[in-house]
Amino acid sequence: MSSAQTDYYATLEVTRDCDGATLKSAYRKLAMKFHPDRNPGDASAEAKFKAISEAYDCLKDPQKRAAYDRYGHEAFTQGMNGGGGGPFGGRGADGFADIGDIFETIFGSAFGGGGAQRQQNRRGADLRYDMQVTLEEAFSGKSTEIEIEVSQACDTCDGSGATPGTSERQCNLCHGMGSVRAKQGLFVIERPCPTCNGRGTVIENPCRVCRGEGRVDKAQTLKVDIPAGVDTGTRIRLSGKGEAGQRGAPPGDLYIFLHVKPHTVFEREGTTLATRVPVSFTTAALGGCVEIPDLDGSTNRLEIPIGIQSGKQLRIRGAGMPVLQGRGRGDMVVEIVVETPTRLSRRQKEILEEFKATETGDECPESRSFFAKLKDAFGG
């Protein structure tokens, strides 16, 4: 079922007697949940977002809501005709000349016959720019520059869209109202004026550079400050650096989406850095220490306890990533990997043979316990 056939109140998950504040709250909640920016590539979420917007656009307007409550979707989907039949054709038994009279009767003169407002020039579109940074850059932050091509206000006409020395004039069709009326079934519907596209004004002498748009595509260099602690998915907003608005309308914003490149040594999870460090079997048996580099160029000294096993994780407090827009750092988690030597000298082999001859089994309690369990399970 299309959004035009779905009950608008059900779409917004509200009751039919809800007030304007409840309606607005429900719309905001659902719009945030299904917004395309939060559901990239999800066609069903995009369709749901459009249905929510369509429903709210109707119900937030007292006139449209009253018509919808009385006649449902038929209030807006009747075919165009010039006839005057039906209870509201001409001035019938109910005494209404058009939909304006209906609303004036229901709401009073504040809502009846007011006419549509002129359409304002549209604000410029928001733009997206994807940027890759290294883990070191994400750790310390940096300032950089990007170059993008984006529409900007035309210098020739100062964004007006008209040839210098000329200006816009009032539209002759809608007389500056930005809309025209047409009979549609039971109602008189106001639509954006086809001549001026709802603006109420037209440009007789368009600027030769921007062809009346008031904006042209240009390359621009922008400075981007990346704070310490950013992660993949972090979004930086550059206000007013998006697409220029129509004929002097405000520009949109530019959003920088960051992607942190994989690192050869560290893996990241939030503010925690994780790495695997191999140690010799003698260091694992006798204990010792290893030095692990930090992303800030310093080194972290890690004490290896006597008898450590492979897979054991040790934590270095405050050696992880910075907290974004906060204080302090996360931790570094080091997984120990005990490395068995693959190349031994003759003397080393002799020493190991001597050690082996002195083994009692108590040196490796886990091995002893395992083989004891095998003996019990399989009867020796």
Protein backbone atom coordinates (compact mmCIF):
# COMPACT_ATOMS: atom_id res chain seq x y z
CA MET A 1 0.00 0.00 0.00
CA SER A 2 1.42 3.38 -0.96
CA SER A 3 1.84 6.22 1.50
CA ALA A 4 -1.13 8.00 -0.16
CA GLN A 5 -3.40 5.12 0.86
CA THR A 6 -2.10 4.78 4.40
CA ASP A 7 -3.85 6.53 7.27
CA TYR A 8 -1.71 9.53 8.15
CA TYR A 9 -2.36 9.17 11.87
CA ALA A 10 -1.25 5.53 11.75
CA THR A 11 1.87 6.53 9.81
CA LEU A 12 2.83 8.97 12.59
CA GLU A 13 1.70 6.52 15.32
CA VAL A 14 -0.65 9.04 16.97
CA THR A 15 -4.35 9.15 17.77
CA ARG A 16 -6.76 11.20 15.69
CA ASP A 17 -7.47 13.59 18.58
CA CYS A 18 -3.81 14.37 19.35
CA ASP A 19 -2.75 18.00 19.69
CA GLY A 20 -0.15 19.81 17.62
CA ALA A 21 2.66 19.31 20.14
CA THR A 22 2.12 15.54 20.25
CA LEU A 23 1.99 15.44 16.47
CA LYS A 24 5.26 17.35 16.17
CA SER A 25 7.00 15.21 18.78
CA ALA A 26 5.94 11.98 17.04
CA TYR A 27 7.13 13.29 13.68
CA ARG A 28 10.56 14.31 15.01
CA LYS A 29 11.07 10.93 16.69
CA LEU A 30 10.22 8.94 13.56
CA ALA A 31 12.06 11.32 11.21
CA MET A 32 15.28 10.89 13.21
CA LYS A 33 14.86 7.10 13.20
CA PHE A 34 14.30 6.75 9.45
CA HIS A 35 16.32 9.72 8.11
CA PRO A 36 18.39 8.70 5.02
CA ASP A 37 21.59 10.01 6.67
CA ARG A 38 21.12 7.47 9.46
CA ASN A 39 20.13 4.67 7.07
CA PRO A 40 22.44 5.01 4.03
CA GLY A 41 21.43 2.72 1.17
CA ASP A 42 18.25 1.53 2.93
CA ALA A 43 15.42 2.01 0.41
CA SER A 44 12.71 0.95 2.87
CA ALA A 45 13.87 3.53 5.44
CA GLU A 46 13.90 6.22 2.74
CA ALA A 47 10.35 5.29 1.71
CA LYS A 48 9.23 5.37 5.35
CA PHE A 49 10.85 8.79 5.81
CA LYS A 50 8.97 10.14 2.77
CA ALA A 51 5.68 8.73 4.07
CA ILE A 52 6.26 10.29 7.50
CA SER A 53 7.06 13.67 5.93
CA GLU A 54 3.98 13.49 3.68
CA ALA A 55 1.71 12.68 6.63
CA TYR A 56 3.12 15.44 8.83
CA ASP A 57 2.96 17.99 6.00
CA CYS A 58 -0.77 17.38 5.82
CA LEU A 59 -1.66 17.10 9.51
CA LYS A 60 0.42 20.05 10.74
CA ASP A 61 -1.70 22.40 8.60
CA PRO A 62 -5.06 23.04 10.37
CA GLN A 63 -6.88 23.49 7.05
CA LYS A 64 -5.50 20.34 5.47
CA ARG A 65 -6.04 18.35 8.65
CA ALA A 66 -9.70 19.39 8.85
CA ALA A 67 -10.27 18.39 5.24
CA TYR A 68 -8.45 15.09 5.78
CA ASP A 69 -10.47 14.33 8.93
CA ARG A 70 -13.72 14.83 6.98
CA TYR A 71 -12.93 13.29 3.62
CA GLY A 72 -9.69 11.32 3.99
CA HIS A 73 -7.32 11.13 1.02
CA GLU A 74 -10.13 11.91 -1.39
CA ALA A 75 -9.85 15.50 -0.22
CA PHE A 76 -6.61 15.75 -2.21
CA THR A 77 -6.81 13.09 -4.94
CA GLN A 78 -10.01 13.93 -6.86
CA GLY A 79 -9.49 14.39 -10.59
CA MET A 80 -9.53 17.91 -12.05
CA ASN A 81 -12.85 19.01 -13.43
CA GLY A 82 -14.72 22.23 -13.85
CA GLY A 83 -18.09 20.89 -12.78
CA GLY A 84 -20.04 22.21 -9.88
CA GLY A 85 -21.94 19.04 -8.89
CA GLY A 86 -22.04 17.49 -5.45
CA PRO A 87 -22.81 19.02 -2.08
CA PHE A 88 -20.16 21.74 -2.54
CA GLY A 89 -20.54 22.43 -6.25
CA GLY A 90 -21.43 26.09 -6.60
CA ARG A 91 -23.26 27.09 -3.42
CA GLY A 92 -25.44 24.10 -2.55
CA ALA A 93 -27.61 23.12 0.36
CA ASP A 94 -24.71 23.47 2.79
CA GLY A 95 -24.04 26.99 1.56
CA PHE A 96 -20.27 26.65 0.80
CA ALA A 97 -18.82 28.29 -2.29
CA ASP A 98 -15.39 26.56 -2.05
CA ILE A 99 -13.01 24.97 0.43
CA GLY A 100 -12.13 28.41 1.80
CA ASP A 101 -15.73 28.81 2.98
CA ILE A 102 -15.59 25.38 4.64
CA PHE A 103 -12.51 26.33 6.67
CA GLU A 104 -13.92 29.75 7.49
CA THR A 105 -17.00 28.06 8.92
CA ILE A 106 -14.93 25.54 10.92
CA PHE A 107 -12.11 27.80 12.16
CA GLY A 108 -13.30 31.34 11.59
CA SER A 109 -11.77 34.01 9.36
CA ALA A 110 -8.26 33.34 10.69
CA PHE A 111 -8.05 30.22 8.52
CA GLY A 112 -10.56 30.79 5.77
CA GLY A 113 -9.64 32.10 2.34
CA GLY A 114 -6.15 33.23 3.35
CA GLY A 115 -4.39 32.03 0.22
CA ALA A 116 -0.98 30.37 -0.06
CA GLN A 117 2.16 32.20 0.86
CA ARG A 118 4.88 32.89 -1.67
CA GLN A 119 7.52 30.25 -1.96
CA GLN A 120 10.85 31.44 -0.68
CA ASN A 121 14.04 30.85 -2.61
CA ARG A 122 15.43 27.52 -1.50
CA ARG A 123 18.35 27.18 0.87
CA GLY A 124 21.37 25.50 -0.67
CA ALA A 125 21.79 21.74 -0.36
CA ASP A 126 24.03 20.19 2.27
CA LEU A 127 27.07 18.41 0.82
CA ARG A 128 29.17 15.43 1.92
CA TYR A 129 32.93 14.96 1.66
CA ASP A 130 34.68 11.72 2.67
CA MET A 131 38.20 12.03 4.10
CA GLN A 132 40.69 9.35 5.13
CA VAL A 133 43.07 9.91 8.04
CA THR A 134 45.78 7.73 9.57
CA LEU A 135 45.52 6.42 13.13
CA GLU A 136 48.37 8.74 14.09
CA GLU A 137 46.43 11.73 12.70
CA ALA A 138 43.30 10.58 14.54
CA PHE A 139 45.40 10.37 17.72
CA SER A 140 46.95 13.82 17.57
CA GLY A 141 44.46 15.72 15.38
CA LYS A 142 45.52 17.98 12.55
CA SER A 143 44.61 20.92 10.35
CA THR A 144 44.42 20.29 6.64
CA GLU A 145 42.97 21.78 3.47
CA ILE A 146 40.58 20.27 0.95
CA GLU A 147 39.59 21.47 -2.48
CA ILE A 148 36.05 20.89 -3.72
CA GLU A 149 33.94 22.20 -6.56
CA VAL A 150 30.63 23.56 -5.32
CA SER A 151 28.04 26.08 -6.46
CA GLN A 152 28.65 29.55 -5.05
CA ALA A 153 26.92 32.89 -5.38
CA CYS A 154 27.49 34.41 -8.82
CA ASP A 155 29.93 37.33 -8.60
CA THR A 156 28.48 39.01 -11.71
CA CYS A 157 24.95 39.45 -10.35
CA ASP A 158 25.74 39.10 -6.62
CA GLY A 159 23.51 36.04 -6.48
CA SER A 160 20.34 37.81 -7.67
CA GLY A 161 20.15 35.94 -10.98
CA ALA A 162 19.36 39.16 -12.86
CA THR A 163 21.59 41.05 -15.25
CA PRO A 164 23.38 43.87 -13.35
CA GLY A 165 21.31 47.03 -13.51
CA THR A 166 18.03 45.10 -13.77
CA SER A 167 15.82 43.46 -11.17
CA GLU A 168 12.99 41.00 -10.75
CA ARG A 169 9.40 42.04 -11.44
CA GLN A 170 6.07 40.83 -10.12
CA CYS A 171 4.66 37.78 -11.87
CA ASN A 172 1.74 38.72 -14.13
CA LEU A 173 -0.02 35.37 -13.71
CA CYS A 174 -0.21 35.15 -9.90
CA HIS A 175 0.23 38.90 -9.25
CA GLY A 176 3.01 38.24 -6.76
CA MET A 177 1.10 35.69 -4.69
CA GLY A 178 3.22 32.76 -5.83
CA SER A 179 0.18 30.52 -6.29
CA VAL A 180 -2.86 30.07 -8.48
CA ARG A 181 -6.23 28.47 -7.75
CA ALA A 182 -7.86 25.65 -9.67
CA LYS A 183 -11.07 23.67 -9.22
CA GLN A 184 -10.38 20.05 -8.28
CA GLY A 185 -13.37 17.87 -7.57
CA LEU A 186 -15.08 19.16 -4.45
CA PHE A 187 -12.38 21.68 -3.64
CA VAL A 188 -10.56 24.72 -4.87
CA ILE A 189 -6.87 23.84 -4.66
CA GLU A 190 -4.02 26.31 -4.56
CA ARG A 191 -0.91 25.31 -6.49
CA PRO A 192 2.49 26.97 -7.01
CA CYS A 193 2.36 29.35 -9.94
CA PRO A 194 3.77 27.61 -13.07
CA THR A 195 5.21 30.87 -14.42
CA CYS A 196 7.29 31.93 -11.41
CA ASN A 197 7.51 28.51 -9.69
CA GLY A 198 5.92 29.92 -6.56
CA ARG A 199 8.30 32.86 -6.08
CA GLY A 200 5.88 35.60 -7.04
CA THR A 201 8.54 37.29 -9.17
CA VAL A 202 10.21 36.60 -12.50
CA ILE A 203 13.52 37.66 -14.06
CA GLU A 204 13.13 39.21 -17.50
CA ASN A 205 16.88 39.65 -18.11
CA PRO A 206 18.74 36.67 -16.62
CA CYS A 207 22.41 37.05 -15.78
CA ARG A 208 24.48 35.77 -18.70
CA VAL A 209 26.95 34.04 -16.39
CA CYS A 210 24.62 32.08 -14.11
CA ARG A 211 21.60 32.09 -16.49
CA GLY A 212 19.30 33.36 -13.79
CA GLU A 213 20.22 30.79 -11.14
CA GLY A 214 22.22 33.24 -9.03
CA ARG A 215 24.96 30.64 -8.51
CA VAL A 216 27.78 29.01 -10.45
CA ASP A 217 30.10 26.07 -9.84
CA LYS A 218 33.55 27.04 -8.58
CA ALA A 219 36.52 25.32 -6.98
CA GLN A 220 37.21 26.42 -3.43
CA THR A 221 39.86 25.53 -0.86
CA LEU A 222 38.65 24.98 2.69
CA LYS A 223 40.52 24.54 5.96
CA VAL A 224 39.45 21.54 8.06
CA ASP A 225 40.43 21.21 11.72
CA ILE A 226 40.37 17.56 12.82
CA PRO A 227 40.28 17.21 16.63
CA ALA A 228 42.24 14.52 18.49
CA GLY A 229 40.31 11.32 19.15
CA VAL A 230 38.19 11.15 16.00
CA ASP A 231 37.08 7.75 14.75
CA THR A 232 35.55 6.31 11.60
CA GLY A 233 32.10 7.85 11.26
CA THR A 234 32.99 11.10 13.01
CA ARG A 235 31.31 13.98 11.18
CA ILE A 236 32.67 17.52 11.02
CA ARG A 237 30.25 20.29 9.98
CA LEU A 238 31.43 23.34 8.06
CA SER A 239 28.54 25.76 8.35
CA GLY A 240 27.63 27.66 5.20
CA LYS A 241 30.18 25.82 3.03
CA GLY A 242 27.65 23.72 1.14
CA GLU A 243 25.78 24.56 -2.03
CA ALA A 244 24.78 28.20 -2.52
CA GLY A 245 21.08 28.98 -2.11
CA GLN A 246 18.85 30.13 -4.93
CA ARG A 247 19.01 33.84 -5.72
CA GLY A 248 20.59 34.96 -2.48
CA ALA A 249 19.05 32.32 -0.19
CA PRO A 250 21.35 30.97 2.56
CA PRO A 251 23.90 28.30 1.57
CA GLY A 252 23.82 24.74 2.87
CA ASP A 253 26.45 23.10 5.05
CA LEU A 254 29.37 20.83 4.20
CA TYR A 255 29.77 17.65 6.23
CA ILE A 256 33.19 15.97 6.41
CA PHE A 257 32.86 12.22 7.11
CA LEU A 258 36.09 10.74 8.49
CA HIS A 259 37.44 7.25 7.82
CA VAL A 260 40.44 6.04 9.86
CA LYS A 261 42.83 3.81 7.89
CA PRO A 262 43.80 0.39 9.30
CA HIS A 263 47.09 0.41 11.25
CA THR A 264 49.90 -2.14 10.89
CA VAL A 265 50.44 -2.52 14.65
CA PHE A 266 47.33 -1.44 16.52
CA GLU A 267 43.67 -2.26 16.30
CA ARG A 268 41.21 0.22 17.74
CA GLU A 269 37.95 -0.18 19.61
CA GLY A 270 36.67 3.15 20.83
CA THR A 271 39.44 4.66 22.93
CA THR A 272 41.18 1.29 23.45
CA LEU A 273 44.23 0.30 21.42
CA ALA A 274 45.00 -3.41 21.10
CA THR A 275 48.16 -5.13 19.86
CA ARG A 276 49.92 -8.50 20.01
CA VAL A 277 53.52 -8.64 21.26
CA PRO A 278 55.74 -11.73 20.83
CA VAL A 279 58.17 -12.56 23.66
CA SER A 280 60.82 -15.26 23.83
CA PHE A 281 60.07 -18.38 25.85
CA THR A 282 62.94 -17.49 28.21
CA THR A 283 61.40 -14.05 28.89
CA ALA A 284 58.05 -15.73 29.43
CA ALA A 285 59.62 -18.18 31.90
CA LEU A 286 61.95 -15.79 33.73
CA GLY A 287 60.03 -12.54 33.39
CA GLY A 288 61.37 -9.27 32.03
CA CYS A 289 60.11 -6.22 30.23
CA VAL A 290 59.38 -5.02 26.70
CA GLU A 291 59.04 -1.54 25.26
CA ILE A 292 56.02 -0.74 23.09
CA PRO A 293 55.89 2.45 21.00
CA ASP A 294 53.14 4.99 21.64
CA LEU A 295 51.34 6.90 18.90
CA ASP A 296 52.71 10.14 20.34
CA GLY A 297 56.30 8.99 19.68
CA SER A 298 57.15 7.92 23.23
CA THR A 299 57.51 4.35 24.49
CA ASN A 300 55.58 2.35 27.06
CA ARG A 301 57.53 -0.02 29.33
CA LEU A 302 55.59 -3.21 29.98
CA GLU A 303 56.63 -5.61 32.76
CA ILE A 304 56.32 -9.30 31.86
CA PRO A 305 55.52 -11.42 34.94
CA ILE A 306 57.34 -14.74 35.51
CA GLY A 307 55.65 -17.72 33.88
CA ILE A 308 53.28 -15.74 31.59
CA GLN A 309 51.38 -17.80 29.03
CA SER A 310 50.44 -17.11 25.41
CA GLY A 311 47.14 -15.28 25.11
CA LYS A 312 47.50 -13.46 28.42
CA GLN A 313 46.44 -9.83 28.12
CA LEU A 314 48.19 -7.02 29.96
CA ARG A 315 46.81 -3.50 30.21
CA ILE A 316 48.68 -0.20 30.11
CA ARG A 317 46.47 2.47 31.63
CA GLY A 318 46.17 5.78 29.78
CA ALA A 319 48.11 4.62 26.70
CA GLY A 320 45.11 4.41 24.34
CA MET A 321 43.32 6.97 22.17
CA PRO A 322 42.34 10.43 23.42
CA VAL A 323 38.73 10.98 24.43
CA LEU A 324 37.09 13.03 21.67
CA GLN A 325 36.23 16.50 22.95
CA GLY A 326 37.04 15.33 26.46
CA ARG A 327 39.93 14.66 28.81
CA GLY A 328 42.21 11.70 29.27
CA ARG A 329 43.00 8.67 27.18
CA GLY A 330 41.82 5.11 26.96
CA ASP A 331 44.00 2.06 27.66
CA MET A 332 46.33 -0.10 25.61
CA VAL A 333 45.68 -3.85 25.78
CA VAL A 334 48.67 -6.06 24.95
CA GLU A 335 48.20 -9.73 24.15
CA ILE A 336 51.32 -11.78 24.86
CA VAL A 337 52.43 -14.38 22.31
CA VAL A 338 55.14 -16.74 23.59
CA GLU A 339 57.42 -17.57 20.68
CA THR A 340 59.15 -20.93 20.51
CA PRO A 341 62.64 -20.66 18.97
CA THR A 342 63.06 -22.28 15.55
CA ARG A 343 66.86 -21.83 15.23
CA LEU A 344 69.08 -23.06 18.07
CA SER A 345 72.84 -23.25 18.30
CA ARG A 346 74.52 -26.47 19.44
CA ARG A 347 75.21 -25.01 22.86
CA GLN A 348 71.61 -23.86 23.24
CA LYS A 349 70.38 -27.34 22.43
CA GLU A 350 72.73 -28.81 25.04
CA ILE A 351 71.43 -26.37 27.66
CA LEU A 352 67.84 -27.27 26.84
CA GLU A 353 68.63 -30.97 27.02
CA GLU A 354 70.12 -30.42 30.47
CA PHE A 355 67.02 -28.52 31.51
CA LYS A 356 64.80 -31.27 30.16
CA ALA A 357 66.67 -33.85 32.20
CA THR A 358 65.86 -31.93 35.37
CA GLU A 359 62.12 -31.53 34.68
CA THR A 360 59.77 -33.05 37.28
CA GLY A 361 56.44 -31.98 35.76
CA ASP A 362 55.81 -29.35 38.39
CA GLU A 363 57.25 -26.66 36.09
CA CYS A 364 54.18 -26.80 33.79
CA PRO A 365 51.11 -27.44 35.99
CA GLU A 366 48.63 -27.04 33.15
CA SER A 367 50.29 -29.79 31.10
CA ARG A 368 50.43 -32.06 34.11
CA SER A 369 46.77 -31.46 34.88
CA PHE A 370 45.76 -32.09 31.27
CA PHE A 371 47.50 -35.42 31.00
CA ALA A 372 46.12 -36.46 34.39
CA LYS A 373 42.63 -35.83 33.07
CA LEU A 374 43.38 -37.90 29.97
CA LYS A 375 44.55 -40.76 32.15
CA ASP A 376 41.38 -40.65 34.23
CA ALA A 377 39.13 -40.39 31.18
CA PHE A 378 40.66 -43.23 29.21
CA GLY A 379 41.75 -45.54 31.99
CA GLY A 380 45.49 -45.00 31.79
